PDB file of N, CA and C in Angstrom:
ATOM      1  N   UNK A   1       0.856  -1.157   0.012  1.00  0.00           N
ATOM      2  CA  UNK A   1       0.005  -0.025  -0.017  1.00  0.00           C
ATOM      3  C   UNK A   1       0.929   1.247  -0.011  1.00  0.00           C
ATOM      4  N   UNK A   2       0.549   2.205  -0.827  1.00  0.00           N
ATOM      5  CA  UNK A   2       1.311   3.445  -0.949  1.00  0.00           C
ATOM      6  C   UNK A   2       1.052   4.323   0.235  1.00  0.00           C
ATOM      7  N   UNK A   3       2.181   4.935   0.767  1.00  0.00           N
ATOM      8  CA  UNK A   3       2.081   5.801   1.908  1.00  0.00           C
ATOM      9  C   UNK A   3       1.600   7.178   1.455  1.00  0.00           C
ATOM     10  N   UNK A   4       0.760   7.804   2.280  1.00  0.00           N
ATOM     11  CA  UNK A   4       0.353   9.167   1.931  1.00  0.00           C
ATOM     12  C   UNK A   4       1.471  10.130   2.294  1.00  0.00           C
ATOM     13  N   UNK A   5       1.374  11.327   1.718  1.00  0.00           N
ATOM     14  CA  UNK A   5       2.309  12.409   2.025  1.00  0.00           C
ATOM     15  C   UNK A   5       2.295  12.678   3.469  1.00  0.00           C
ATOM     16  N   UNK A   6       1.146  12.767   4.064  1.00  0.00           N
ATOM     17  CA  UNK A   6       1.013  13.005   5.489  1.00  0.00           C
ATOM     18  C   UNK A   6       1.827  12.013   6.310  1.00  0.00           C
ATOM     19  N   UNK A   7       1.750  10.686   5.979  1.00  0.00           N
ATOM     20  CA  UNK A   7       2.476   9.658   6.690  1.00  0.00           C
ATOM     21  C   UNK A   7       3.997   9.803   6.410  1.00  0.00           C
ATOM     22  N   UNK A   8       4.379  10.176   5.208  1.00  0.00           N
ATOM     23  CA  UNK A   8       5.807  10.356   4.894  1.00  0.00           C
ATOM     24  C   UNK A   8       6.392  11.454   5.766  1.00  0.00           C
ATOM     25  N   UNK A   9       5.665  12.555   5.914  1.00  0.00           N
ATOM     26  CA  UNK A   9       6.148  13.629   6.747  1.00  0.00           C
ATOM     27  C   UNK A   9       6.342  13.136   8.174  1.00  0.00           C
ATOM     28  N   UNK A  10       5.333  12.422   8.680  1.00  0.00           N
ATOM     29  CA  UNK A  10       5.444  11.848  10.049  1.00  0.00           C
ATOM     30  C   UNK A  10       6.587  10.920  10.168  1.00  0.00           C
ATOM     31  N   UNK A  11       6.815  10.062   9.205  1.00  0.00           N
ATOM     32  CA  UNK A  11       7.902   9.097   9.249  1.00  0.00           C
ATOM     33  C   UNK A  11       9.310   9.763   9.248  1.00  0.00           C
ATOM     34  N   UNK A  12       9.419  10.949   8.687  1.00  0.00           N
ATOM     35  CA  UNK A  12      10.687  11.688   8.624  1.00  0.00           C
ATOM     36  C   UNK A  12      11.053  12.301  10.009  1.00  0.00           C
ATOM     37  N   UNK A  13      10.091  12.394  10.928  1.00  0.00           N
ATOM     38  CA  UNK A  13      10.363  13.001  12.207  1.00  0.00           C
ATOM     39  C   UNK A  13      11.321  12.049  13.002  1.00  0.00           C
ATOM     40  N   UNK A  14      12.210  12.573  13.774  1.00  0.00           N
ATOM     41  CA  UNK A  14      13.105  11.736  14.567  1.00  0.00           C
ATOM     42  C   UNK A  14      12.291  10.986  15.643  1.00  0.00           C
ATOM     43  N   UNK A  15      12.739   9.767  15.911  1.00  0.00           N
ATOM     44  CA  UNK A  15      12.031   8.904  16.860  1.00  0.00           C
ATOM     45  C   UNK A  15      12.166   9.453  18.288  1.00  0.00           C
ATOM     46  N   UNK A  16      13.347  10.024  18.608  1.00  0.00           N
ATOM     47  CA  UNK A  16      13.555  10.573  19.927  1.00  0.00           C
ATOM     48  C   UNK A  16      14.026  12.019  19.793  1.00  0.00           C
ATOM     49  N   UNK A  17      13.590  12.818  20.687  1.00  0.00           N
ATOM     50  CA  UNK A  17      14.065  14.170  20.760  1.00  0.00           C
ATOM     51  C   UNK A  17      14.989  14.388  21.974  1.00  0.00           C
ATOM     52  N   UNK A  18      16.102  14.926  21.733  1.00  0.00           N
ATOM     53  CA  UNK A  18      17.021  15.180  22.851  1.00  0.00           C
ATOM     54  C   UNK A  18      16.496  16.402  23.642  1.00  0.00           C
ATOM     55  N   UNK A  19      16.325  16.183  24.933  1.00  0.00           N
ATOM     56  CA  UNK A  19      15.843  17.266  25.780  1.00  0.00           C
ATOM     57  C   UNK A  19      16.954  17.761  26.682  1.00  0.00           C
ATOM     58  N   UNK A  20      17.081  19.022  26.821  1.00  0.00           N
ATOM     59  CA  UNK A  20      18.130  19.576  27.683  1.00  0.00           C
ATOM     60  C   UNK A  20      17.879  19.111  29.104  1.00  0.00           C
ATOM     61  N   UNK A  21      19.005  18.826  29.855  1.00  0.00           N
ATOM     62  CA  UNK A  21      18.844  18.362  31.261  1.00  0.00           C
ATOM     63  C   UNK A  21      18.019  19.276  32.142  1.00  0.00           C
ATOM     64  N   UNK A  22      18.149  20.562  31.984  1.00  0.00           N
ATOM     65  CA  UNK A  22      17.394  21.509  32.857  1.00  0.00           C
ATOM     66  C   UNK A  22      15.936  21.451  32.482  1.00  0.00           C
ATOM     67  N   UNK A  23      15.590  21.317  31.206  1.00  0.00           N
ATOM     68  CA  UNK A  23      14.207  21.199  30.798  1.00  0.00           C
ATOM     69  C   UNK A  23      13.566  19.934  31.361  1.00  0.00           C
ATOM     70  N   UNK A  24      14.311  18.865  31.304  1.00  0.00           N
ATOM     71  CA  UNK A  24      13.875  17.562  31.821  1.00  0.00           C
ATOM     72  C   UNK A  24      13.641  17.635  33.325  1.00  0.00           C
ATOM     73  N   UNK A  25      14.562  18.313  34.040  1.00  0.00           N
ATOM     74  CA  UNK A  25      14.450  18.466  35.521  1.00  0.00           C
ATOM     75  C   UNK A  25      13.182  19.284  35.845  1.00  0.00           C
ATOM     76  N   UNK A  26      12.957  20.342  35.116  1.00  0.00           N
ATOM     77  CA  UNK A  26      11.753  21.159  35.330  1.00  0.00           C
ATOM     78  C   UNK A  26      10.496  20.334  35.143  1.00  0.00           C
ATOM     79  N   UNK A  27      10.484  19.570  34.054  1.00  0.00           N
ATOM     80  CA  UNK A  27       9.314  18.720  33.746  1.00  0.00           C
ATOM     81  C   UNK A  27       9.127  17.682  34.896  1.00  0.00           C
ATOM     82  N   UNK A  28      10.204  17.112  35.397  1.00  0.00           N
ATOM     83  CA  UNK A  28      10.129  16.087  36.459  1.00  0.00           C
ATOM     84  C   UNK A  28       9.553  16.732  37.753  1.00  0.00           C
ATOM     85  N   UNK A  29      10.060  17.951  38.095  1.00  0.00           N
ATOM     86  CA  UNK A  29       9.553  18.613  39.295  1.00  0.00           C
ATOM     87  C   UNK A  29       8.060  18.999  39.155  1.00  0.00           C
ATOM     88  N   UNK A  30       7.704  19.417  37.963  1.00  0.00           N
ATOM     89  CA  UNK A  30       6.280  19.711  37.674  1.00  0.00           C
ATOM     90  C   UNK A  30       5.394  18.447  37.769  1.00  0.00           C
ATOM     91  N   UNK A  31       5.898  17.342  37.286  1.00  0.00           N
ATOM     92  CA  UNK A  31       5.116  16.103  37.374  1.00  0.00           C
ATOM     93  C   UNK A  31       4.954  15.674  38.835  1.00  0.00           C
ATOM     94  N   UNK A  32       6.011  15.777  39.615  1.00  0.00           N
ATOM     95  CA  UNK A  32       5.974  15.402  41.024  1.00  0.00           C
ATOM     96  C   UNK A  32       4.929  16.225  41.792  1.00  0.00           C
ATOM     97  N   UNK A  33       4.919  17.556  41.469  1.00  0.00           N
ATOM     98  CA  UNK A  33       4.029  18.484  42.184  1.00  0.00           C
ATOM     99  C   UNK A  33       2.654  18.638  41.520  1.00  0.00           C
ATOM    100  N   UNK A  34       2.460  18.005  40.408  1.00  0.00           N
ATOM    101  CA  UNK A  34       1.218  18.104  39.660  1.00  0.00           C
ATOM    102  C   UNK A  34       0.866  19.539  39.273  1.00  0.00           C
ATOM    103  N   UNK A  35       1.935  20.235  38.756  1.00  0.00           N
ATOM    104  CA  UNK A  35       1.746  21.614  38.267  1.00  0.00           C
ATOM    105  C   UNK A  35       2.276  21.703  36.856  1.00  0.00           C
ATOM    106  N   UNK A  36       2.054  22.806  36.210  1.00  0.00           N
ATOM    107  CA  UNK A  36       2.541  23.061  34.880  1.00  0.00           C
ATOM    108  C   UNK A  36       4.074  23.443  34.997  1.00  0.00           C
ATOM    109  N   UNK A  37       4.863  23.078  34.014  1.00  0.00           N
ATOM    110  CA  UNK A  37       6.281  23.454  34.040  1.00  0.00           C
ATOM    111  C   UNK A  37       6.482  24.976  34.163  1.00  0.00           C
ATOM    112  N   UNK A  38       5.565  25.770  33.684  1.00  0.00           N
ATOM    113  CA  UNK A  38       5.685  27.221  33.815  1.00  0.00           C
ATOM    114  C   UNK A  38       5.667  27.613  35.328  1.00  0.00           C
ATOM    115  N   UNK A  39       4.878  26.882  36.110  1.00  0.00           N
ATOM    116  CA  UNK A  39       4.822  27.171  37.529  1.00  0.00           C
ATOM    117  C   UNK A  39       6.207  26.925  38.169  1.00  0.00           C
ATOM    118  N   UNK A  40       6.871  25.831  37.774  1.00  0.00           N
ATOM    119  CA  UNK A  40       8.218  25.509  38.340  1.00  0.00           C
ATOM    120  C   UNK A  40       9.147  26.666  37.902  1.00  0.00           C
ATOM    121  N   UNK A  41       9.048  27.091  36.669  1.00  0.00           N
ATOM    122  CA  UNK A  41       9.878  28.240  36.230  1.00  0.00           C
ATOM    123  C   UNK A  41       9.655  29.493  37.056  1.00  0.00           C
ATOM    124  N   UNK A  42       8.343  29.688  37.442  1.00  0.00           N
ATOM    125  CA  UNK A  42       8.111  30.862  38.273  1.00  0.00           C
ATOM    126  C   UNK A  42       8.709  30.682  39.711  1.00  0.00           C
ATOM    127  N   UNK A  43       8.708  29.454  40.182  1.00  0.00           N
ATOM    128  CA  UNK A  43       9.397  29.220  41.482  1.00  0.00           C
ATOM    129  C   UNK A  43      10.865  29.496  41.331  1.00  0.00           C
ATOM    130  N   UNK A  44      11.453  29.087  40.241  1.00  0.00           N
ATOM    131  CA  UNK A  44      12.938  29.305  40.009  1.00  0.00           C
ATOM    132  C   UNK A  44      13.215  30.826  39.909  1.00  0.00           C
ATOM    133  N   UNK A  45      12.308  31.583  39.293  1.00  0.00           N
ATOM    134  CA  UNK A  45      12.513  33.018  39.095  1.00  0.00           C
ATOM    135  C   UNK A  45      12.237  33.798  40.412  1.00  0.00           C
ATOM    136  N   UNK A  46      11.528  33.103  41.328  1.00  0.00           N
ATOM    137  CA  UNK A  46      11.156  33.802  42.573  1.00  0.00           C
ATOM    138  C   UNK A  46       9.929  34.669  42.507  1.00  0.00           C
ATOM    139  N   UNK A  47       9.124  34.474  41.407  1.00  0.00           N
ATOM    140  CA  UNK A  47       7.885  35.254  41.296  1.00  0.00           C
ATOM    141  C   UNK A  47       6.774  34.577  42.017  1.00  0.00           C
ATOM    142  N   UNK A  48       6.886  33.288  42.286  1.00  0.00           N
ATOM    143  CA  UNK A  48       5.920  32.508  43.046  1.00  0.00           C
ATOM    144  C   UNK A  48       6.621  31.588  43.967  1.00  0.00           C
ATOM    145  N   UNK A  49       5.953  31.135  45.023  1.00  0.00           N
ATOM    146  CA  UNK A  49       6.463  30.168  45.920  1.00  0.00           C
ATOM    147  C   UNK A  49       5.497  29.027  46.105  1.00  0.00           C
ATOM    148  N   UNK A  50       5.931  27.780  46.068  1.00  0.00           N
ATOM    149  CA  UNK A  50       5.007  26.691  46.242  1.00  0.00           C
ATOM    150  C   UNK A  50       4.394  26.595  47.639  1.00  0.00           C
ATOM    151  N   UNK A  51       3.240  25.966  47.724  1.00  0.00           N
ATOM    152  CA  UNK A  51       2.587  25.809  49.011  1.00  0.00           C
ATOM    153  C   UNK A  51       3.356  24.734  49.810  1.00  0.00           C
ATOM    154  N   UNK A  52       2.987  24.571  51.061  1.00  0.00           N
ATOM    155  CA  UNK A  52       3.689  23.664  52.008  1.00  0.00           C
ATOM    156  C   UNK A  52       3.724  22.209  51.499  1.00  0.00           C
ATOM    157  N   UNK A  53       2.632  21.748  50.945  1.00  0.00           N
ATOM    158  CA  UNK A  53       2.578  20.366  50.451  1.00  0.00           C
ATOM    159  C   UNK A  53       3.608  20.134  49.326  1.00  0.00           C
ATOM    160  N   UNK A  54       3.694  21.067  48.430  1.00  0.00           N
ATOM    161  CA  UNK A  54       4.593  20.938  47.298  1.00  0.00           C
ATOM    162  C   UNK A  54       6.019  21.075  47.745  1.00  0.00           C
ATOM    163  N   UNK A  55       6.225  21.974  48.726  1.00  0.00           N
ATOM    164  CA  UNK A  55       7.624  22.089  49.274  1.00  0.00           C
ATOM    165  C   UNK A  55       7.999  20.755  49.876  1.00  0.00           C
ATOM    166  N   UNK A  56       7.125  20.119  50.583  1.00  0.00           N
ATOM    167  CA  UNK A  56       7.407  18.831  51.144  1.00  0.00           C
ATOM    168  C   UNK A  56       7.693  17.789  50.113  1.00  0.00           C
ATOM    169  N   UNK A  57       6.979  17.746  49.015  1.00  0.00           N
ATOM    170  CA  UNK A  57       7.259  16.835  47.908  1.00  0.00           C
ATOM    171  C   UNK A  57       8.612  17.078  47.312  1.00  0.00           C
ATOM    172  N   UNK A  58       8.954  18.342  47.032  1.00  0.00           N
ATOM    173  CA  UNK A  58      10.177  18.670  46.473  1.00  0.00           C
ATOM    174  C   UNK A  58      11.357  18.322  47.461  1.00  0.00           C
ATOM    175  N   UNK A  59      11.105  18.576  48.740  1.00  0.00           N
ATOM    176  CA  UNK A  59      12.173  18.270  49.732  1.00  0.00           C
ATOM    177  C   UNK A  59      12.488  16.813  49.689  1.00  0.00           C
ATOM    178  N   UNK A  60      11.480  15.933  49.696  1.00  0.00           N
ATOM    179  CA  UNK A  60      11.693  14.517  49.654  1.00  0.00           C
ATOM    180  C   UNK A  60      12.406  14.115  48.372  1.00  0.00           C
ATOM    181  N   UNK A  61      11.993  14.618  47.233  1.00  0.00           N
ATOM    182  CA  UNK A  61      12.599  14.242  45.952  1.00  0.00           C
ATOM    183  C   UNK A  61      14.040  14.674  45.878  1.00  0.00           C
ATOM    184  N   UNK A  62      14.369  15.885  46.430  1.00  0.00           N
ATOM    185  CA  UNK A  62      15.721  16.464  46.199  1.00  0.00           C
ATOM    186  C   UNK A  62      16.599  16.207  47.376  1.00  0.00           C
ATOM    187  N   UNK A  63      16.072  15.674  48.510  1.00  0.00           N
ATOM    188  CA  UNK A  63      16.870  15.381  49.680  1.00  0.00           C
ATOM    189  C   UNK A  63      17.431  16.660  50.303  1.00  0.00           C
ATOM    190  N   UNK A  64      16.610  17.695  50.324  1.00  0.00           N
ATOM    191  CA  UNK A  64      17.053  18.982  50.929  1.00  0.00           C
ATOM    192  C   UNK A  64      15.980  19.347  51.957  1.00  0.00           C
ATOM    193  N   UNK A  65      16.413  19.913  53.063  1.00  0.00           N
ATOM    194  CA  UNK A  65      15.463  20.233  54.114  1.00  0.00           C
ATOM    195  C   UNK A  65      14.427  21.292  53.561  1.00  0.00           C
ATOM    196  N   UNK A  66      13.195  21.154  53.992  1.00  0.00           N
ATOM    197  CA  UNK A  66      12.157  22.068  53.487  1.00  0.00           C
ATOM    198  C   UNK A  66      12.485  23.519  53.677  1.00  0.00           C
ATOM    199  N   UNK A  67      13.076  23.865  54.890  1.00  0.00           N
ATOM    200  CA  UNK A  67      13.321  25.279  55.183  1.00  0.00           C
ATOM    201  C   UNK A  67      14.545  25.808  54.434  1.00  0.00           C
ATOM    202  N   UNK A  68      15.236  24.985  53.683  1.00  0.00           N
ATOM    203  CA  UNK A  68      16.326  25.445  52.868  1.00  0.00           C
ATOM    204  C   UNK A  68      16.036  25.664  51.382  1.00  0.00           C
ATOM    205  N   UNK A  69      14.939  25.080  50.948  1.00  0.00           N
ATOM    206  CA  UNK A  69      14.641  25.103  49.498  1.00  0.00           C
ATOM    207  C   UNK A  69      14.383  26.486  48.944  1.00  0.00           C
ATOM    208  N   UNK A  70      13.600  27.283  49.594  1.00  0.00           N
ATOM    209  CA  UNK A  70      13.191  28.573  49.016  1.00  0.00           C
ATOM    210  C   UNK A  70      13.592  29.765  49.902  1.00  0.00           C
ATOM    211  N   UNK A  71      14.580  29.547  50.694  1.00  0.00           N
ATOM    212  CA  UNK A  71      15.054  30.700  51.584  1.00  0.00           C
ATOM    213  C   UNK A  71      16.395  31.167  51.064  1.00  0.00           C
TER     214      UNK A  71
END
């Protein structure tokens, strides 16, 4: 069966996309906290601060005391 042009375009796409380590880290933190990656970027920029539950989740994941993460 002949492939459509649509399928040919799809087939030319790379199977895996290399993701920068920092981007992957932000995505992982967002997944852990059930927030959008933009929210994690706001935490990094200091424009927002996570609530106590999310600080607890991050603390456990990163192995850093809760009171040290955002101070």
